[in-house]
Amino acid sequence: MYRVGILTISDKGSRGEREDLSGPEIKRIIEENGYETAFMHIVPDEKEEIMREMIEACDKNLCDLFLTTGGTGFAERDVTPEATAEVGEKLVPGIPEAMRAYSMTVTPRGMLSRGTCVIRKKTLILNLPGSVKSVRENLEYVIGSLGHGLDILTGNDAECGSPHKH
């Protein structure tokens, strides 16, 4: 069972001015798919705080998969992809590319997501959008393939066999 860290990036959410609904939606989806929630945190849209959470979780091996929600748009304070890229050791472009391609079948605005994906140590870090609807659509689309990627990343499977249907 893979451990998942969930980080919500939201100024208002971190100040208690808005209830975080995306983080609990991620938790529901991952647990329905056999993953374990290792932790759920909320931080403001501050690059250094986002990076600190990622580095600690990866370097202390607190989770195998680190999912973020929020901070991937065009707003001035949206810095999640930049924080993610800075802590990453390897790029994983296919997952966010697939999410954007799928999102564009739902809405042309899917192209506006700047989410990224990287590997740090033995942890896969993936940025999800901030809305509950977008989190659900994107995570449900990729979750079937994430397990195989995590198997390879953590050394539980060394072969890339036939692709799994999402």
N, C-alpha and C. Protein backbone atom coordinates (compact mmCIF):
# COMPACT_ATOMS: atom_id res chain seq x y z
N MET A 1 0.86 -1.19 0.00
CA MET A 1 0.00 0.00 0.00
C MET A 1 0.89 1.24 0.00
N TYR A 2 0.67 2.10 -0.98
CA TYR A 2 1.48 3.30 -1.08
C TYR A 2 0.92 4.41 -0.19
N ARG A 3 1.85 5.16 0.40
CA ARG A 3 1.50 6.28 1.29
C ARG A 3 1.46 7.57 0.48
N VAL A 4 0.42 8.37 0.72
CA VAL A 4 0.22 9.59 -0.04
C VAL A 4 0.17 10.80 0.90
N GLY A 5 0.98 11.79 0.58
CA GLY A 5 0.92 13.08 1.25
C GLY A 5 0.09 14.02 0.41
N ILE A 6 -0.77 14.79 1.08
CA ILE A 6 -1.66 15.72 0.38
C ILE A 6 -1.37 17.13 0.89
N LEU A 7 -1.05 18.03 -0.03
CA LEU A 7 -0.77 19.42 0.35
C LEU A 7 -1.69 20.34 -0.43
N THR A 8 -2.51 21.07 0.30
CA THR A 8 -3.37 22.08 -0.31
C THR A 8 -2.64 23.42 -0.22
N ILE A 9 -2.55 24.10 -1.34
CA ILE A 9 -1.92 25.41 -1.39
C ILE A 9 -3.02 26.45 -1.57
N SER A 10 -3.25 27.22 -0.51
CA SER A 10 -4.34 28.20 -0.53
C SER A 10 -4.10 29.24 0.55
N ASP A 11 -4.03 30.50 0.15
CA ASP A 11 -3.90 31.57 1.14
C ASP A 11 -5.10 31.58 2.08
N LYS A 12 -6.30 31.61 1.50
CA LYS A 12 -7.52 31.67 2.32
C LYS A 12 -7.71 30.41 3.15
N GLY A 13 -7.44 29.27 2.57
CA GLY A 13 -7.56 28.01 3.30
C GLY A 13 -6.61 27.93 4.47
N SER A 14 -5.39 28.41 4.28
CA SER A 14 -4.39 28.36 5.35
C SER A 14 -4.73 29.30 6.49
N ARG A 15 -5.51 30.34 6.19
CA ARG A 15 -5.93 31.29 7.24
C ARG A 15 -7.28 30.91 7.83
N GLY A 16 -7.88 29.83 7.36
CA GLY A 16 -9.18 29.40 7.87
C GLY A 16 -10.34 30.20 7.33
N GLU A 17 -10.12 30.96 6.24
CA GLU A 17 -11.17 31.79 5.65
C GLU A 17 -12.00 31.04 4.62
N ARG A 18 -11.53 29.84 4.21
CA ARG A 18 -12.26 29.03 3.25
C ARG A 18 -11.98 27.57 3.58
N GLU A 19 -13.04 26.76 3.54
CA GLU A 19 -12.89 25.34 3.81
C GLU A 19 -12.23 24.66 2.62
N ASP A 20 -11.23 23.83 2.91
CA ASP A 20 -10.56 23.07 1.85
C ASP A 20 -11.40 21.86 1.49
N LEU A 21 -11.90 21.81 0.26
CA LEU A 21 -12.68 20.67 -0.21
C LEU A 21 -11.88 19.79 -1.17
N SER A 22 -10.83 20.34 -1.78
CA SER A 22 -10.03 19.58 -2.74
C SER A 22 -9.17 18.53 -2.04
N GLY A 23 -8.57 18.89 -0.93
CA GLY A 23 -7.75 17.93 -0.17
C GLY A 23 -8.57 16.70 0.25
N PRO A 24 -9.75 16.90 0.87
CA PRO A 24 -10.59 15.75 1.21
C PRO A 24 -11.03 14.94 -0.01
N GLU A 25 -11.22 15.58 -1.16
CA GLU A 25 -11.58 14.84 -2.37
C GLU A 25 -10.41 13.96 -2.83
N ILE A 26 -9.20 14.48 -2.75
CA ILE A 26 -8.02 13.67 -3.07
C ILE A 26 -7.96 12.47 -2.13
N LYS A 27 -8.15 12.72 -0.84
CA LYS A 27 -8.11 11.64 0.17
C LYS A 27 -9.14 10.56 -0.17
N ARG A 28 -10.34 10.96 -0.51
CA ARG A 28 -11.40 10.00 -0.84
C ARG A 28 -10.99 9.14 -2.03
N ILE A 29 -10.49 9.78 -3.08
CA ILE A 29 -10.14 9.06 -4.31
C ILE A 29 -8.98 8.10 -4.07
N ILE A 30 -7.94 8.57 -3.41
CA ILE A 30 -6.78 7.69 -3.22
C ILE A 30 -7.12 6.50 -2.33
N GLU A 31 -7.91 6.74 -1.28
CA GLU A 31 -8.25 5.65 -0.39
C GLU A 31 -9.18 4.64 -1.07
N GLU A 32 -10.07 5.12 -1.93
CA GLU A 32 -10.93 4.20 -2.71
C GLU A 32 -10.10 3.35 -3.67
N ASN A 33 -8.90 3.83 -4.00
CA ASN A 33 -8.03 3.11 -4.93
C ASN A 33 -6.90 2.36 -4.21
N GLY A 34 -7.03 2.17 -2.91
CA GLY A 34 -6.08 1.35 -2.17
C GLY A 34 -4.84 2.04 -1.65
N TYR A 35 -4.80 3.35 -1.69
CA TYR A 35 -3.66 4.09 -1.16
C TYR A 35 -3.97 4.51 0.28
N GLU A 36 -2.91 4.81 1.03
CA GLU A 36 -3.05 5.25 2.42
C GLU A 36 -2.68 6.73 2.52
N THR A 37 -3.48 7.50 3.24
CA THR A 37 -3.16 8.91 3.46
C THR A 37 -2.13 9.01 4.57
N ALA A 38 -0.95 9.51 4.25
CA ALA A 38 0.12 9.68 5.24
C ALA A 38 -0.06 10.98 6.02
N PHE A 39 -0.49 12.04 5.33
CA PHE A 39 -0.74 13.33 5.98
C PHE A 39 -1.50 14.24 5.03
N MET A 40 -2.15 15.25 5.61
CA MET A 40 -2.82 16.31 4.85
C MET A 40 -2.47 17.62 5.51
N HIS A 41 -1.89 18.53 4.75
CA HIS A 41 -1.53 19.85 5.27
C HIS A 41 -2.08 20.93 4.33
N ILE A 42 -2.21 22.13 4.88
CA ILE A 42 -2.58 23.31 4.09
C ILE A 42 -1.53 24.38 4.34
N VAL A 43 -1.04 24.98 3.26
CA VAL A 43 -0.08 26.07 3.37
C VAL A 43 -0.51 27.21 2.46
N PRO A 44 -0.05 28.42 2.75
CA PRO A 44 -0.35 29.54 1.85
C PRO A 44 0.45 29.44 0.56
N ASP A 45 0.10 30.26 -0.41
CA ASP A 45 0.81 30.31 -1.69
C ASP A 45 2.16 31.00 -1.50
N GLU A 46 3.04 30.34 -0.79
CA GLU A 46 4.39 30.85 -0.53
C GLU A 46 5.37 29.77 -0.99
N LYS A 47 6.16 30.11 -1.98
CA LYS A 47 7.06 29.14 -2.60
C LYS A 47 7.94 28.41 -1.59
N GLU A 48 8.53 29.15 -0.65
CA GLU A 48 9.44 28.53 0.32
C GLU A 48 8.71 27.54 1.22
N GLU A 49 7.48 27.84 1.62
CA GLU A 49 6.71 26.92 2.46
C GLU A 49 6.33 25.66 1.69
N ILE A 50 5.94 25.83 0.45
CA ILE A 50 5.59 24.69 -0.40
C ILE A 50 6.82 23.79 -0.56
N MET A 51 7.95 24.38 -0.88
CA MET A 51 9.18 23.62 -1.05
C MET A 51 9.58 22.91 0.24
N ARG A 52 9.46 23.57 1.36
CA ARG A 52 9.83 22.98 2.65
C ARG A 52 9.00 21.72 2.93
N GLU A 53 7.69 21.80 2.65
CA GLU A 53 6.81 20.63 2.84
C GLU A 53 7.24 19.48 1.93
N MET A 54 7.53 19.78 0.68
CA MET A 54 7.93 18.75 -0.28
C MET A 54 9.26 18.11 0.11
N ILE A 55 10.23 18.94 0.43
CA ILE A 55 11.56 18.43 0.78
C ILE A 55 11.49 17.54 2.01
N GLU A 56 10.78 17.99 3.03
CA GLU A 56 10.68 17.20 4.26
C GLU A 56 10.01 15.85 3.99
N ALA A 57 8.91 15.86 3.26
CA ALA A 57 8.18 14.61 2.99
C ALA A 57 9.03 13.64 2.17
N CYS A 58 9.74 14.15 1.18
CA CYS A 58 10.55 13.29 0.31
C CYS A 58 11.82 12.83 1.00
N ASP A 59 12.52 13.75 1.61
CA ASP A 59 13.82 13.42 2.20
C ASP A 59 13.69 12.56 3.45
N LYS A 60 12.58 12.65 4.14
CA LYS A 60 12.34 11.80 5.33
C LYS A 60 11.51 10.56 4.98
N ASN A 61 11.26 10.35 3.68
CA ASN A 61 10.50 9.20 3.18
C ASN A 61 9.15 9.06 3.89
N LEU A 62 8.42 10.17 4.00
CA LEU A 62 7.12 10.15 4.67
C LEU A 62 6.01 9.66 3.74
N CYS A 63 6.25 9.72 2.42
CA CYS A 63 5.23 9.28 1.48
C CYS A 63 5.89 8.85 0.18
N ASP A 64 5.15 8.04 -0.57
CA ASP A 64 5.61 7.57 -1.88
C ASP A 64 5.10 8.48 -2.99
N LEU A 65 3.92 9.05 -2.76
CA LEU A 65 3.26 9.95 -3.71
C LEU A 65 2.87 11.21 -2.95
N PHE A 66 3.25 12.36 -3.49
CA PHE A 66 2.96 13.65 -2.86
C PHE A 66 2.08 14.41 -3.84
N LEU A 67 0.82 14.61 -3.47
CA LEU A 67 -0.12 15.30 -4.34
C LEU A 67 -0.40 16.69 -3.81
N THR A 68 -0.32 17.68 -4.70
CA THR A 68 -0.68 19.04 -4.32
C THR A 68 -1.98 19.41 -5.01
N THR A 69 -2.69 20.36 -4.42
CA THR A 69 -3.87 20.93 -5.06
C THR A 69 -3.82 22.43 -4.86
N GLY A 70 -3.98 23.15 -5.96
CA GLY A 70 -3.97 24.61 -5.90
C GLY A 70 -2.65 25.21 -6.35
N GLY A 71 -2.73 26.48 -6.73
CA GLY A 71 -1.54 27.24 -7.08
C GLY A 71 -0.95 26.93 -8.45
N THR A 72 -1.77 26.36 -9.36
CA THR A 72 -1.24 25.98 -10.67
C THR A 72 -1.75 26.87 -11.81
N GLY A 73 -2.44 27.93 -11.47
CA GLY A 73 -3.02 28.78 -12.50
C GLY A 73 -2.13 29.95 -12.88
N PHE A 74 -2.78 31.01 -13.36
CA PHE A 74 -2.07 32.19 -13.87
C PHE A 74 -1.97 33.34 -12.87
N ALA A 75 -2.59 33.19 -11.71
CA ALA A 75 -2.56 34.28 -10.73
C ALA A 75 -1.12 34.56 -10.28
N GLU A 76 -0.88 35.78 -9.89
CA GLU A 76 0.46 36.18 -9.47
C GLU A 76 1.01 35.29 -8.36
N ARG A 77 0.16 34.87 -7.43
CA ARG A 77 0.62 34.07 -6.29
C ARG A 77 0.64 32.57 -6.57
N ASP A 78 0.27 32.14 -7.76
CA ASP A 78 0.30 30.72 -8.12
C ASP A 78 1.74 30.29 -8.43
N VAL A 79 2.38 29.64 -7.45
CA VAL A 79 3.80 29.29 -7.59
C VAL A 79 4.06 27.79 -7.36
N THR A 80 3.01 26.99 -7.30
CA THR A 80 3.20 25.56 -7.03
C THR A 80 4.09 24.88 -8.07
N PRO A 81 3.88 25.08 -9.38
CA PRO A 81 4.76 24.41 -10.35
C PRO A 81 6.23 24.83 -10.21
N GLU A 82 6.46 26.09 -9.90
CA GLU A 82 7.84 26.55 -9.74
C GLU A 82 8.49 25.90 -8.51
N ALA A 83 7.75 25.82 -7.42
CA ALA A 83 8.27 25.16 -6.21
C ALA A 83 8.55 23.69 -6.50
N THR A 84 7.65 23.05 -7.21
CA THR A 84 7.79 21.63 -7.54
C THR A 84 9.01 21.40 -8.41
N ALA A 85 9.17 22.21 -9.44
CA ALA A 85 10.31 22.07 -10.35
C ALA A 85 11.62 22.27 -9.61
N GLU A 86 11.63 23.19 -8.67
CA GLU A 86 12.87 23.49 -7.95
C GLU A 86 13.31 22.35 -7.04
N VAL A 87 12.38 21.61 -6.45
CA VAL A 87 12.76 20.51 -5.56
C VAL A 87 12.96 19.19 -6.30
N GLY A 88 12.49 19.11 -7.54
CA GLY A 88 12.58 17.87 -8.29
C GLY A 88 13.98 17.52 -8.74
N GLU A 89 14.24 16.22 -8.81
CA GLU A 89 15.51 15.72 -9.33
C GLU A 89 15.35 15.16 -10.75
N LYS A 90 14.13 14.72 -11.07
CA LYS A 90 13.82 14.23 -12.42
C LYS A 90 12.45 14.76 -12.82
N LEU A 91 12.31 15.14 -14.07
CA LEU A 91 11.03 15.58 -14.61
C LEU A 91 10.19 14.37 -15.03
N VAL A 92 8.88 14.48 -14.86
CA VAL A 92 7.94 13.44 -15.32
C VAL A 92 6.85 14.16 -16.12
N PRO A 93 7.14 14.55 -17.36
CA PRO A 93 6.19 15.37 -18.12
C PRO A 93 4.94 14.65 -18.58
N GLY A 94 4.99 13.34 -18.74
CA GLY A 94 3.85 12.62 -19.32
C GLY A 94 2.57 12.70 -18.51
N ILE A 95 2.68 12.68 -17.19
CA ILE A 95 1.47 12.68 -16.36
C ILE A 95 0.71 14.00 -16.49
N PRO A 96 1.36 15.15 -16.29
CA PRO A 96 0.60 16.39 -16.47
C PRO A 96 0.18 16.64 -17.91
N GLU A 97 0.96 16.15 -18.87
CA GLU A 97 0.54 16.27 -20.27
C GLU A 97 -0.76 15.49 -20.50
N ALA A 98 -0.82 14.28 -19.94
CA ALA A 98 -2.03 13.46 -20.08
C ALA A 98 -3.22 14.12 -19.39
N MET A 99 -2.98 14.70 -18.23
CA MET A 99 -4.06 15.37 -17.50
C MET A 99 -4.59 16.56 -18.30
N ARG A 100 -3.69 17.35 -18.86
CA ARG A 100 -4.13 18.50 -19.66
C ARG A 100 -4.89 18.04 -20.91
N ALA A 101 -4.38 17.02 -21.57
CA ALA A 101 -5.06 16.51 -22.77
C ALA A 101 -6.47 16.03 -22.40
N TYR A 102 -6.59 15.30 -21.31
CA TYR A 102 -7.91 14.83 -20.89
C TYR A 102 -8.80 16.02 -20.51
N SER A 103 -8.26 16.96 -19.76
CA SER A 103 -9.04 18.13 -19.33
C SER A 103 -9.59 18.90 -20.52
N MET A 104 -8.83 18.95 -21.60
CA MET A 104 -9.29 19.70 -22.78
C MET A 104 -10.45 19.00 -23.49
N THR A 105 -10.70 17.72 -23.18
CA THR A 105 -11.90 17.07 -23.71
C THR A 105 -13.14 17.50 -22.93
N VAL A 106 -12.91 18.05 -21.73
CA VAL A 106 -13.99 18.54 -20.88
C VAL A 106 -14.21 20.03 -21.09
N THR A 107 -13.09 20.78 -21.13
CA THR A 107 -13.15 22.23 -21.31
C THR A 107 -11.86 22.72 -21.96
N PRO A 108 -11.96 23.67 -22.89
CA PRO A 108 -10.73 24.22 -23.50
C PRO A 108 -9.83 24.90 -22.46
N ARG A 109 -10.39 25.26 -21.32
CA ARG A 109 -9.58 25.90 -20.28
C ARG A 109 -8.58 24.95 -19.63
N GLY A 110 -8.69 23.66 -19.94
CA GLY A 110 -7.73 22.69 -19.43
C GLY A 110 -6.30 23.04 -19.82
N MET A 111 -6.15 23.73 -20.95
CA MET A 111 -4.82 24.12 -21.41
C MET A 111 -4.18 25.17 -20.51
N LEU A 112 -4.94 25.77 -19.63
CA LEU A 112 -4.42 26.83 -18.77
C LEU A 112 -3.75 26.30 -17.51
N SER A 113 -3.83 25.02 -17.26
CA SER A 113 -3.17 24.44 -16.09
C SER A 113 -1.67 24.42 -16.29
N ARG A 114 -0.95 24.81 -15.27
CA ARG A 114 0.51 24.80 -15.33
C ARG A 114 1.10 23.69 -14.46
N GLY A 115 0.26 22.77 -14.00
CA GLY A 115 0.73 21.70 -13.13
C GLY A 115 1.88 20.92 -13.73
N THR A 116 2.75 20.43 -12.86
CA THR A 116 3.92 19.67 -13.28
C THR A 116 4.05 18.42 -12.42
N CYS A 117 5.04 17.62 -12.72
CA CYS A 117 5.28 16.39 -11.98
C CYS A 117 6.78 16.11 -11.98
N VAL A 118 7.30 15.72 -10.82
CA VAL A 118 8.73 15.43 -10.68
C VAL A 118 8.92 14.25 -9.73
N ILE A 119 10.16 13.78 -9.72
CA ILE A 119 10.59 12.78 -8.75
C ILE A 119 11.66 13.42 -7.89
N ARG A 120 11.54 13.22 -6.58
CA ARG A 120 12.59 13.59 -5.64
C ARG A 120 12.82 12.37 -4.76
N LYS A 121 14.05 11.90 -4.73
CA LYS A 121 14.40 10.67 -4.03
C LYS A 121 13.51 9.54 -4.56
N LYS A 122 12.69 8.94 -3.70
CA LYS A 122 11.79 7.84 -4.08
C LYS A 122 10.34 8.28 -4.01
N THR A 123 10.09 9.59 -4.17
CA THR A 123 8.73 10.13 -4.09
C THR A 123 8.36 10.81 -5.40
N LEU A 124 7.16 10.51 -5.86
CA LEU A 124 6.59 11.16 -7.04
C LEU A 124 5.75 12.34 -6.55
N ILE A 125 6.03 13.53 -7.06
CA ILE A 125 5.28 14.74 -6.70
C ILE A 125 4.47 15.16 -7.90
N LEU A 126 3.15 15.30 -7.72
CA LEU A 126 2.25 15.65 -8.81
C LEU A 126 1.35 16.81 -8.40
N ASN A 127 1.31 17.85 -9.22
CA ASN A 127 0.43 19.00 -8.99
C ASN A 127 -0.92 18.74 -9.62
N LEU A 128 -1.97 18.90 -8.82
CA LEU A 128 -3.34 18.84 -9.30
C LEU A 128 -3.94 20.24 -9.26
N PRO A 129 -4.98 20.49 -10.05
CA PRO A 129 -5.63 21.80 -10.00
C PRO A 129 -6.26 22.06 -8.62
N GLY A 130 -6.80 23.24 -8.45
CA GLY A 130 -7.36 23.63 -7.16
C GLY A 130 -8.83 23.34 -6.95
N SER A 131 -9.60 23.20 -8.01
CA SER A 131 -11.03 22.99 -7.84
C SER A 131 -11.34 21.51 -7.60
N VAL A 132 -12.38 21.25 -6.84
CA VAL A 132 -12.79 19.88 -6.54
C VAL A 132 -13.11 19.13 -7.83
N LYS A 133 -13.84 19.75 -8.73
CA LYS A 133 -14.22 19.12 -9.99
C LYS A 133 -12.98 18.74 -10.80
N SER A 134 -12.03 19.65 -10.91
CA SER A 134 -10.81 19.38 -11.68
C SER A 134 -9.93 18.35 -11.01
N VAL A 135 -9.86 18.39 -9.68
CA VAL A 135 -9.11 17.36 -8.94
C VAL A 135 -9.68 15.99 -9.26
N ARG A 136 -11.00 15.88 -9.16
CA ARG A 136 -11.68 14.59 -9.40
C ARG A 136 -11.40 14.10 -10.82
N GLU A 137 -11.61 14.96 -11.81
CA GLU A 137 -11.42 14.56 -13.20
C GLU A 137 -9.98 14.12 -13.47
N ASN A 138 -9.03 14.92 -13.02
CA ASN A 138 -7.63 14.64 -13.31
C ASN A 138 -7.09 13.43 -12.55
N LEU A 139 -7.36 13.37 -11.26
CA LEU A 139 -6.83 12.27 -10.46
C LEU A 139 -7.46 10.94 -10.86
N GLU A 140 -8.76 10.93 -11.10
CA GLU A 140 -9.39 9.69 -11.52
C GLU A 140 -8.87 9.24 -12.88
N TYR A 141 -8.47 10.16 -13.72
CA TYR A 141 -7.93 9.82 -15.04
C TYR A 141 -6.56 9.14 -14.94
N VAL A 142 -5.70 9.62 -14.04
CA VAL A 142 -4.32 9.10 -13.99
C VAL A 142 -4.06 8.05 -12.92
N ILE A 143 -4.95 7.91 -11.96
CA ILE A 143 -4.63 7.06 -10.80
C ILE A 143 -4.35 5.61 -11.18
N GLY A 144 -4.97 5.12 -12.21
CA GLY A 144 -4.73 3.74 -12.63
C GLY A 144 -3.30 3.49 -13.07
N SER A 145 -2.63 4.49 -13.60
CA SER A 145 -1.24 4.34 -14.05
C SER A 145 -0.24 4.70 -12.96
N LEU A 146 -0.65 5.46 -11.97
CA LEU A 146 0.29 5.89 -10.93
C LEU A 146 0.87 4.72 -10.17
N GLY A 147 0.06 3.70 -9.90
CA GLY A 147 0.54 2.55 -9.14
C GLY A 147 1.71 1.86 -9.83
N HIS A 148 1.62 1.70 -11.14
CA HIS A 148 2.70 1.05 -11.87
C HIS A 148 3.97 1.91 -11.83
N GLY A 149 3.79 3.22 -11.99
CA GLY A 149 4.95 4.12 -11.89
C GLY A 149 5.59 4.06 -10.51
N LEU A 150 4.76 4.01 -9.48
CA LEU A 150 5.29 3.92 -8.11
C LEU A 150 5.97 2.58 -7.88
N ASP A 151 5.44 1.51 -8.47
CA ASP A 151 6.09 0.19 -8.36
C ASP A 151 7.52 0.26 -8.88
N ILE A 152 7.70 0.91 -10.03
CA ILE A 152 9.03 1.02 -10.63
C ILE A 152 9.91 1.95 -9.80
N LEU A 153 9.37 3.10 -9.41
CA LEU A 153 10.13 4.09 -8.64
C LEU A 153 10.64 3.52 -7.32
N THR A 154 9.80 2.76 -6.63
CA THR A 154 10.17 2.23 -5.31
C THR A 154 10.90 0.89 -5.39
N GLY A 155 11.07 0.36 -6.61
CA GLY A 155 11.78 -0.90 -6.76
C GLY A 155 10.92 -2.14 -6.60
N ASN A 156 9.61 -1.97 -6.54
CA ASN A 156 8.71 -3.12 -6.41
C ASN A 156 8.45 -3.81 -7.74
N ASP A 157 8.83 -3.18 -8.85
CA ASP A 157 8.64 -3.77 -10.18
C ASP A 157 9.69 -3.14 -11.09
N ALA A 158 10.45 -3.97 -11.76
CA ALA A 158 11.52 -3.44 -12.61
C ALA A 158 11.15 -3.41 -14.09
N GLU A 159 10.02 -3.97 -14.44
CA GLU A 159 9.64 -4.09 -15.84
C GLU A 159 8.51 -3.14 -16.21
N CYS A 160 8.59 -2.59 -17.40
CA CYS A 160 7.47 -1.81 -17.95
C CYS A 160 6.72 -2.73 -18.88
N GLY A 161 5.66 -3.34 -18.40
CA GLY A 161 4.87 -4.27 -19.19
C GLY A 161 3.82 -3.52 -19.98
N SER A 162 2.76 -4.21 -20.30
CA SER A 162 1.69 -3.59 -21.07
C SER A 162 1.01 -2.51 -20.25
N PRO A 163 0.60 -1.44 -20.89
CA PRO A 163 -0.02 -0.32 -20.17
C PRO A 163 -1.35 -0.73 -19.57
N HIS A 164 -1.62 -0.17 -18.42
CA HIS A 164 -2.89 -0.41 -17.74
C HIS A 164 -3.93 0.56 -18.25
N LYS A 165 -5.13 0.10 -18.37
CA LYS A 165 -6.24 0.96 -18.76
C LYS A 165 -6.56 1.88 -17.58
N HIS A 166 -6.80 3.16 -17.83
CA HIS A 166 -7.12 4.08 -16.74
C HIS A 166 -8.46 3.76 -16.27
